[in-house]
Structure formats: structure tokens, C-alpha cells
Amino acid sequence: MNGKDKLIFFILLLLLIGAGYYYTMTESIFLQMDKLQTADKTHVDKVLGAYADSLDRYNLRFIGRGKHIRKMQKDIVLNTELIEKNTDSLASMIDDVSFRLDNFTRETNKNFRNVNNDIDDLASDFKSTVRKLKQNISDLEQLSKAIDKRVKEIEDLALIQKEKAKAAEED
């Protein structure tokens, strides 16, 4: 036997040892899996045996609640649609009120401007009327002074005439 043959036998021996080790390891894992499966089956049987009745009742309760849940979901959808519809109509109403308020504001401002203009016109008319009245009063005062002066002149003239008449009588 030469060195190549010895190396090949050595590698073959290593492979056989690895295969044996792998086989024993998988067999032990399979045994453990079988034990776990039997333990799980007995555990599930105990659980299902002890609680099967109550699980069945809870399932029936949840099935009955499913109808209520579906009804609630339909109600929620209907309420959402109603809210969206009312939101749209409220939005249009708010826009309408906003438009009316804007018009009211414009009209009110226009009316205030008109009233202010009327007040200014009345103030200027009042001032001119007051000026005319003052002028008329001053004219009346001048006329009254002139009349007083003439009356005095007439009275003086009458006194002078009386005095002349007395003087002529005395003469």
C-alpha cells in the first residue's frame, strides 16, 4: 500500500465515523420528537377534554356576537356617511352665512358712509343757516338802531315844534 491509498482509506474511515455520528444524533433527535409529540397529544387531549364544553359555549357566544358586530359596523358606516353628508351641507350653510355677512358688512359700511355724508351736508347747511341768521340779526339790529335814531329825530322834531309852538304862543 502506498501513501495515496492510505490517505483515501483514512478519509473513508473519517466519513464512516461522521456518518455514524450523524445517524446516532438524528436517531436521538427523532426519539425526543416522538416523546414531545406523545406528550403534546396527551396534553391537548387533557385540555380539550376538560375545557371542550366551555370552549364550545364561548364559540357559540362569539358567533352570536358576530351578528352584533356586523350590525355595529353597518351602523358605523351609515353614521360616517350621515356625518359626511351633514358636513357638506353645513359647509355650504357656513359659506352662505359668510357670504351674507360679507354683504351685510358692505351694506352697513355703505350706509354709515351715506349717513356721515348726510351729517356733513347738514352741518354745512346748518353753518350757512347760522351765518344767514347772524347776518339777518345784525341787519335787524342796524335797522332797529336806524329806526331808533329816526324816532328820536322825530321826537326831537316834535319837541322842537312844540317848543316853537310854545315860543310862538308866548310871543
Protein backbone atom coordinates (compact mmCIF):
# COMPACT_ATOMS: atom_id res chain seq x y z
CA MET A 1 0.00 0.00 0.00
CA ASN A 2 1.26 3.24 -0.92
CA GLY A 3 0.64 6.69 0.67
CA LYS A 4 -2.27 7.60 -1.62
CA ASP A 5 -4.18 4.51 -0.72
CA LYS A 6 -3.58 5.07 2.96
CA LEU A 7 -4.90 8.66 2.65
CA ILE A 8 -8.01 7.51 0.80
CA PHE A 9 -8.69 4.82 3.46
CA PHE A 10 -8.16 7.38 6.19
CA ILE A 11 -10.63 9.85 4.58
CA LEU A 12 -13.09 7.00 4.03
CA LEU A 13 -12.80 6.00 7.68
CA LEU A 14 -13.42 9.60 8.76
CA LEU A 15 -16.52 9.74 6.54
CA LEU A 16 -17.84 6.49 8.02
CA ILE A 17 -17.28 7.77 11.55
CA GLY A 18 -19.05 11.09 10.68
CA ALA A 19 -21.95 9.20 9.10
CA GLY A 20 -22.29 7.01 12.18
CA TYR A 21 -22.21 10.04 14.46
CA TYR A 22 -24.82 11.80 12.30
CA TYR A 23 -27.03 8.69 12.33
CA THR A 24 -26.93 8.34 16.13
CA MET A 25 -27.62 12.07 16.58
CA THR A 26 -30.64 12.04 14.26
CA GLU A 27 -31.97 8.90 15.93
CA SER A 28 -31.80 10.59 19.36
CA ILE A 29 -33.50 13.72 17.95
CA PHE A 30 -36.25 11.58 16.42
CA LEU A 31 -36.77 9.81 19.76
CA GLN A 32 -37.05 13.14 21.55
CA MET A 33 -39.50 14.38 18.91
CA ASP A 34 -41.63 11.26 19.36
CA LYS A 35 -41.68 11.82 23.13
CA LEU A 36 -42.68 15.51 22.63
CA GLN A 37 -45.44 14.55 20.20
CA THR A 38 -46.92 11.98 22.58
CA ALA A 39 -46.68 14.48 25.48
CA ASP A 40 -48.31 17.18 23.35
CA LYS A 41 -51.09 14.82 22.29
CA THR A 42 -51.86 13.82 25.87
CA HIS A 43 -51.73 17.48 26.93
CA VAL A 44 -54.09 18.55 24.14
CA ASP A 45 -56.44 15.69 24.98
CA LYS A 46 -56.49 16.82 28.61
CA VAL A 47 -57.15 20.42 27.64
CA LEU A 48 -59.79 19.53 25.09
CA GLY A 49 -61.38 17.06 27.48
CA ALA A 50 -61.55 19.48 30.39
CA TYR A 51 -62.41 22.64 28.51
CA ALA A 52 -64.18 21.40 25.38
CA ASP A 53 -67.60 22.25 26.75
CA SER A 54 -66.67 25.77 27.82
CA LEU A 55 -64.82 26.41 24.55
CA ASP A 56 -67.91 25.32 22.65
CA ARG A 57 -70.08 27.73 24.68
CA TYR A 58 -67.62 30.61 24.13
CA ASN A 59 -67.53 29.87 20.41
CA LEU A 60 -71.33 30.00 20.33
CA ARG A 61 -71.27 33.29 22.25
CA PHE A 62 -68.77 34.77 19.84
CA ILE A 63 -70.82 33.58 16.87
CA GLY A 64 -73.84 35.37 18.35
CA ARG A 65 -71.76 38.48 18.88
CA GLY A 66 -70.61 38.41 15.30
CA LYS A 67 -74.09 39.44 14.18
CA HIS A 68 -73.98 42.35 16.57
CA ILE A 69 -70.51 43.32 15.43
CA ARG A 70 -71.59 43.27 11.76
CA LYS A 71 -74.66 45.36 12.66
CA MET A 72 -72.44 47.82 14.54
CA GLN A 73 -70.08 48.01 11.57
CA LYS A 74 -73.00 48.79 9.26
CA ASP A 75 -74.23 51.42 11.74
CA ILE A 76 -70.77 52.96 11.86
CA VAL A 77 -70.67 53.11 8.05
CA LEU A 78 -74.15 54.69 7.97
CA ASN A 79 -73.17 57.20 10.65
CA THR A 80 -69.99 58.07 8.77
CA GLU A 81 -72.00 58.67 5.59
CA LEU A 82 -74.51 60.79 7.52
CA ILE A 83 -71.68 62.82 9.08
CA GLU A 84 -70.09 63.38 5.67
CA LYS A 85 -73.46 64.44 4.21
CA ASN A 86 -74.15 66.80 7.10
CA THR A 87 -70.61 68.14 6.93
CA ASP A 88 -71.12 69.01 3.28
CA SER A 89 -74.45 70.71 3.95
CA LEU A 90 -73.02 72.53 6.98
CA ALA A 91 -70.07 73.69 4.90
CA SER A 92 -72.44 75.11 2.28
CA MET A 93 -74.53 76.75 5.01
CA ILE A 94 -71.41 78.27 6.56
CA ASP A 95 -70.37 79.59 3.14
CA ASP A 96 -73.87 81.06 2.68
CA VAL A 97 -73.77 82.74 6.10
CA SER A 98 -70.27 84.05 5.37
CA PHE A 99 -71.48 85.49 2.05
CA ARG A 100 -74.46 87.13 3.75
CA LEU A 101 -72.25 88.55 6.49
CA ASP A 102 -69.90 90.00 3.89
CA ASN A 103 -72.85 91.59 2.08
CA PHE A 104 -74.22 92.90 5.37
CA THR A 105 -70.82 94.37 6.24
CA ARG A 106 -70.57 96.09 2.84
CA GLU A 107 -74.14 97.42 3.08
CA THR A 108 -73.58 98.64 6.64
CA ASN A 109 -70.34 100.37 5.73
CA LYS A 110 -72.04 101.98 2.75
CA ASN A 111 -74.94 103.14 4.95
CA PHE A 112 -72.52 104.56 7.53
CA ARG A 113 -70.69 106.45 4.77
CA ASN A 114 -74.00 107.79 3.49
CA VAL A 115 -75.04 108.84 7.00
CA ASN A 116 -71.67 110.54 7.55
CA ASN A 117 -72.02 112.36 4.23
CA ASP A 118 -75.56 113.42 5.18
CA ILE A 119 -74.31 114.65 8.56
CA ASP A 120 -71.54 116.62 6.85
CA ASP A 121 -74.09 118.13 4.43
CA LEU A 122 -76.43 119.00 7.29
CA ALA A 123 -73.53 120.53 9.23
CA SER A 124 -72.57 122.75 6.29
CA ASP A 125 -76.27 123.67 5.75
CA PHE A 126 -76.59 124.44 9.46
CA LYS A 127 -73.45 126.62 9.38
CA SER A 128 -74.71 128.56 6.36
CA THR A 129 -78.13 128.96 8.02
CA VAL A 130 -76.46 130.19 11.22
CA ARG A 131 -74.41 132.68 9.17
CA LYS A 132 -77.55 133.91 7.41
CA LEU A 133 -79.36 134.21 10.73
CA LYS A 134 -76.46 136.17 12.24
CA GLN A 135 -76.40 138.42 9.20
CA ASN A 136 -80.17 138.90 9.42
CA ILE A 137 -79.90 139.64 13.16
CA SER A 138 -77.15 142.16 12.55
CA ASP A 139 -79.24 143.69 9.74
CA LEU A 140 -82.21 143.84 12.12
CA GLU A 141 -80.03 145.41 14.81
CA GLN A 142 -78.82 148.03 12.34
CA LEU A 143 -82.37 148.62 11.18
CA SER A 144 -83.54 148.90 14.77
CA LYS A 145 -80.77 151.42 15.51
CA ALA A 146 -81.68 153.38 12.42
CA ILE A 147 -85.38 153.31 13.42
CA ASP A 148 -84.48 154.36 16.98
CA LYS A 149 -82.40 157.21 15.57
CA ARG A 150 -85.23 158.34 13.31
CA VAL A 151 -87.74 158.01 16.11
CA LYS A 152 -85.51 160.19 18.26
CA GLU A 153 -85.20 162.62 15.42
CA ILE A 154 -88.96 162.62 15.04
CA GLU A 155 -89.41 163.04 18.76
CA ASP A 156 -86.81 165.75 18.74
CA LEU A 157 -88.60 167.31 15.81
CA ALA A 158 -91.89 167.12 17.68
CA LEU A 159 -90.27 168.66 20.75
CA ILE A 160 -88.74 171.33 18.64
CA GLN A 161 -92.08 172.04 17.04
CA LYS A 162 -93.77 172.12 20.43
CA GLU A 163 -91.13 174.43 21.67
CA LYS A 164 -91.57 176.56 18.64
CA ALA A 165 -95.29 176.48 19.11
CA LYS A 166 -94.91 177.47 22.76
CA ALA A 167 -92.50 180.12 21.83
CA ALA A 168 -94.84 181.37 19.16
CA GLU A 169 -97.70 181.39 21.67
CA GLU A 170 -95.66 183.19 24.14
CA ASP A 171 -94.72 185.73 21.60
